[in-house]
Structures are given as C-alpha cells and as structure tokens.
Amino acid sequence: MKKSHRPTTRVKNPEPSLDSPDWVIWAAWADRITFEEIEKKTGKTEGEVIKIMRRSLKPSSFRLWRKRASSQSIKHRKKFEYSRKQIKSKINKNDYLL
C-alpha cells in the first residue's frame, strides 16, 4: 500500500458519515449547523431531531443540549439573520469617530 504524502488531521470528534444516524446527533451538537441545513441534508425536521436527541442522550445531556440549542440564535436561520440586523442597527458610524 502506497503511503500518501498528505498528512492526516486527527480530530477529537470526527464527522460521521451522512448515512449514519450519528450524523444527526453530531450536527445537532454543532453550533454552526442550523436545523434547516439538517433538514436539507437528511430530510428530518426540527421536531424529529429533538425526538432523536431525546432518545439518544441521557436526560441531563438532553436538557443541556436543549437549553443550548434554544438560546442560541445561530441554530435557526431566521433568528440568526434577525440578531445580525439588530447588531448592525446598533452600530453607528459616529461611534467610530472620536
């Protein structure tokens, strides 16, 4: 077997294959992957993802994930865009001129 000259990067939690049910759990924990992206790739809605997480995680881990996912604006594309607009509206050009 020929060795590759390309170094392999080891990741603590590598991304599972898309066919695996573990991918949904991995994507739900990832901060930058929205529920819309999960639905686009797997066809599972936000409610189905929540059910999968409830079945797969320990109760305390599920509560931690749910609190984290519901409080972050980035898990929902609409909330993320709305929070970006609020931040932009708060910044004035006059704030930078001293």
C-alpha atoms as a PDB file:
ATOM      1  CA  MET A   1       0.000   0.000   0.000  1.00  0.00           C
ATOM      2  CA  LYS A   2       1.378   3.349  -1.062  1.00  0.00           C
ATOM      3  CA  LYS A   3       1.736   5.996   1.612  1.00  0.00           C
ATOM      4  CA  SER A   4       0.247   9.364   0.960  1.00  0.00           C
ATOM      5  CA  HIS A   5       2.380  12.451   1.296  1.00  0.00           C
ATOM      6  CA  ARG A   6      -0.606  14.304   2.580  1.00  0.00           C
ATOM      7  CA  PRO A   7      -0.730  14.482   6.384  1.00  0.00           C
ATOM      8  CA  THR A   8      -3.907  13.322   8.050  1.00  0.00           C
ATOM      9  CA  THR A   9      -5.510  15.608  10.549  1.00  0.00           C
ATOM     10  CA  ARG A  10      -6.814  13.929  13.644  1.00  0.00           C
ATOM     11  CA  VAL A  11      -9.949  15.402  15.078  1.00  0.00           C
ATOM     12  CA  LYS A  12     -11.267  14.706  18.543  1.00  0.00           C
ATOM     13  CA  ASN A  13     -14.831  14.190  17.248  1.00  0.00           C
ATOM     14  CA  PRO A  14     -14.642  13.466  13.523  1.00  0.00           C
ATOM     15  CA  GLU A  15     -17.733  13.926  11.391  1.00  0.00           C
ATOM     16  CA  PRO A  16     -19.615  10.626  10.975  1.00  0.00           C
ATOM     17  CA  SER A  17     -20.883   9.580   7.564  1.00  0.00           C
ATOM     18  CA  LEU A  18     -24.105  11.194   6.392  1.00  0.00           C
ATOM     19  CA  ASP A  19     -25.834   7.790   6.185  1.00  0.00           C
ATOM     20  CA  SER A  20     -25.209   7.122   9.862  1.00  0.00           C
ATOM     21  CA  PRO A  21     -27.849   8.101  12.459  1.00  0.00           C
ATOM     22  CA  ASP A  22     -24.956   9.512  14.485  1.00  0.00           C
ATOM     23  CA  TRP A  23     -24.619  12.296  11.913  1.00  0.00           C
ATOM     24  CA  VAL A  24     -27.895  13.884  13.062  1.00  0.00           C
ATOM     25  CA  ILE A  25     -26.688  13.868  16.678  1.00  0.00           C
ATOM     26  CA  TRP A  26     -23.295  15.251  15.649  1.00  0.00           C
ATOM     27  CA  ALA A  27     -24.898  18.001  13.554  1.00  0.00           C
ATOM     28  CA  ALA A  28     -27.375  18.905  16.311  1.00  0.00           C
ATOM     29  CA  TRP A  29     -24.499  19.432  18.755  1.00  0.00           C
ATOM     30  CA  ALA A  30     -22.536  21.509  16.222  1.00  0.00           C
ATOM     31  CA  ASP A  31     -23.138  25.207  16.779  1.00  0.00           C
ATOM     32  CA  ARG A  32     -22.779  26.324  13.183  1.00  0.00           C
ATOM     33  CA  ILE A  33     -25.153  23.789  11.613  1.00  0.00           C
ATOM     34  CA  THR A  34     -28.732  25.041  11.538  1.00  0.00           C
ATOM     35  CA  PHE A  35     -31.853  22.908  11.746  1.00  0.00           C
ATOM     36  CA  GLU A  36     -32.624  23.985   8.181  1.00  0.00           C
ATOM     37  CA  GLU A  37     -29.322  22.506   6.970  1.00  0.00           C
ATOM     38  CA  ILE A  38     -30.003  19.261   8.832  1.00  0.00           C
ATOM     39  CA  GLU A  39     -33.426  19.042   7.208  1.00  0.00           C
ATOM     40  CA  LYS A  40     -31.955  19.766   3.787  1.00  0.00           C
ATOM     41  CA  LYS A  41     -29.341  17.007   4.092  1.00  0.00           C
ATOM     42  CA  THR A  42     -31.330  14.314   5.910  1.00  0.00           C
ATOM     43  CA  GLY A  43     -34.984  15.260   5.489  1.00  0.00           C
ATOM     44  CA  LYS A  44     -35.554  15.303   9.260  1.00  0.00           C
ATOM     45  CA  THR A  45     -37.462  18.255  10.680  1.00  0.00           C
ATOM     46  CA  GLU A  46     -36.543  20.086  13.868  1.00  0.00           C
ATOM     47  CA  GLY A  47     -39.146  18.087  15.832  1.00  0.00           C
ATOM     48  CA  GLU A  48     -37.732  14.793  14.575  1.00  0.00           C
ATOM     49  CA  VAL A  49     -34.208  15.901  15.510  1.00  0.00           C
ATOM     50  CA  ILE A  50     -35.423  16.753  19.011  1.00  0.00           C
ATOM     51  CA  LYS A  51     -37.032  13.303  19.325  1.00  0.00           C
ATOM     52  CA  ILE A  52     -33.810  11.622  18.174  1.00  0.00           C
ATOM     53  CA  MET A  53     -31.788  13.633  20.682  1.00  0.00           C
ATOM     54  CA  ARG A  54     -34.260  12.843  23.481  1.00  0.00           C
ATOM     55  CA  ARG A  55     -33.963   9.095  22.771  1.00  0.00           C
ATOM     56  CA  SER A  56     -30.200   9.064  22.269  1.00  0.00           C
ATOM     57  CA  LEU A  57     -28.935  11.269  25.084  1.00  0.00           C
ATOM     58  CA  LYS A  58     -29.078  10.951  28.820  1.00  0.00           C
ATOM     59  CA  PRO A  59     -31.782  13.175  30.367  1.00  0.00           C
ATOM     60  CA  SER A  60     -29.255  15.655  31.771  1.00  0.00           C
ATOM     61  CA  SER A  61     -27.386  15.825  28.451  1.00  0.00           C
ATOM     62  CA  PHE A  62     -30.637  16.390  26.580  1.00  0.00           C
ATOM     63  CA  ARG A  63     -31.609  19.245  28.904  1.00  0.00           C
ATOM     64  CA  LEU A  64     -28.164  20.800  28.420  1.00  0.00           C
ATOM     65  CA  TRP A  65     -28.409  20.496  24.624  1.00  0.00           C
ATOM     66  CA  ARG A  66     -31.975  21.812  24.530  1.00  0.00           C
ATOM     67  CA  LYS A  67     -31.088  24.842  26.619  1.00  0.00           C
ATOM     68  CA  ARG A  68     -28.081  25.498  24.409  1.00  0.00           C
ATOM     69  CA  ALA A  69     -29.938  24.998  21.122  1.00  0.00           C
ATOM     70  CA  SER A  70     -32.942  27.131  22.080  1.00  0.00           C
ATOM     71  CA  SER A  71     -30.897  30.010  23.481  1.00  0.00           C
ATOM     72  CA  GLN A  72     -28.544  30.270  20.511  1.00  0.00           C
ATOM     73  CA  SER A  73     -29.739  32.354  17.653  1.00  0.00           C
ATOM     74  CA  ILE A  74     -27.462  30.509  15.272  1.00  0.00           C
ATOM     75  CA  LYS A  75     -29.359  27.182  15.309  1.00  0.00           C
ATOM     76  CA  HIS A  76     -32.257  28.855  13.493  1.00  0.00           C
ATOM     77  CA  ARG A  77     -31.507  30.742  10.302  1.00  0.00           C
ATOM     78  CA  LYS A  78     -34.300  33.324  10.832  1.00  0.00           C
ATOM     79  CA  LYS A  79     -33.204  34.095  14.392  1.00  0.00           C
ATOM     80  CA  PHE A  80     -29.602  34.383  13.239  1.00  0.00           C
ATOM     81  CA  GLU A  81     -30.473  36.873  10.485  1.00  0.00           C
ATOM     82  CA  TYR A  82     -32.673  38.874  12.867  1.00  0.00           C
ATOM     83  CA  SER A  83     -29.919  39.105  15.501  1.00  0.00           C
ATOM     84  CA  ARG A  84     -27.454  40.239  12.805  1.00  0.00           C
ATOM     85  CA  LYS A  85     -29.821  43.044  11.796  1.00  0.00           C
ATOM     86  CA  GLN A  86     -30.147  44.159  15.421  1.00  0.00           C
ATOM     87  CA  ILE A  87     -26.384  44.278  15.854  1.00  0.00           C
ATOM     88  CA  LYS A  88     -25.940  46.275  12.647  1.00  0.00           C
ATOM     89  CA  SER A  89     -28.630  48.754  13.638  1.00  0.00           C
ATOM     90  CA  LYS A  90     -26.941  49.406  16.998  1.00  0.00           C
ATOM     91  CA  ILE A  91     -23.637  50.301  15.401  1.00  0.00           C
ATOM     92  CA  ASN A  92     -23.481  53.866  14.151  1.00  0.00           C
ATOM     93  CA  LYS A  93     -20.743  55.376  12.093  1.00  0.00           C
ATOM     94  CA  ASN A  94     -20.464  58.128  14.691  1.00  0.00           C
ATOM     95  CA  ASP A  95     -19.334  55.572  17.267  1.00  0.00           C
ATOM     96  CA  TYR A  96     -16.038  55.154  15.431  1.00  0.00           C
ATOM     97  CA  LEU A  97     -15.301  58.845  15.009  1.00  0.00           C
ATOM     98  CA  LEU A  98     -13.656  60.245  18.108  1.00  0.00           C
END
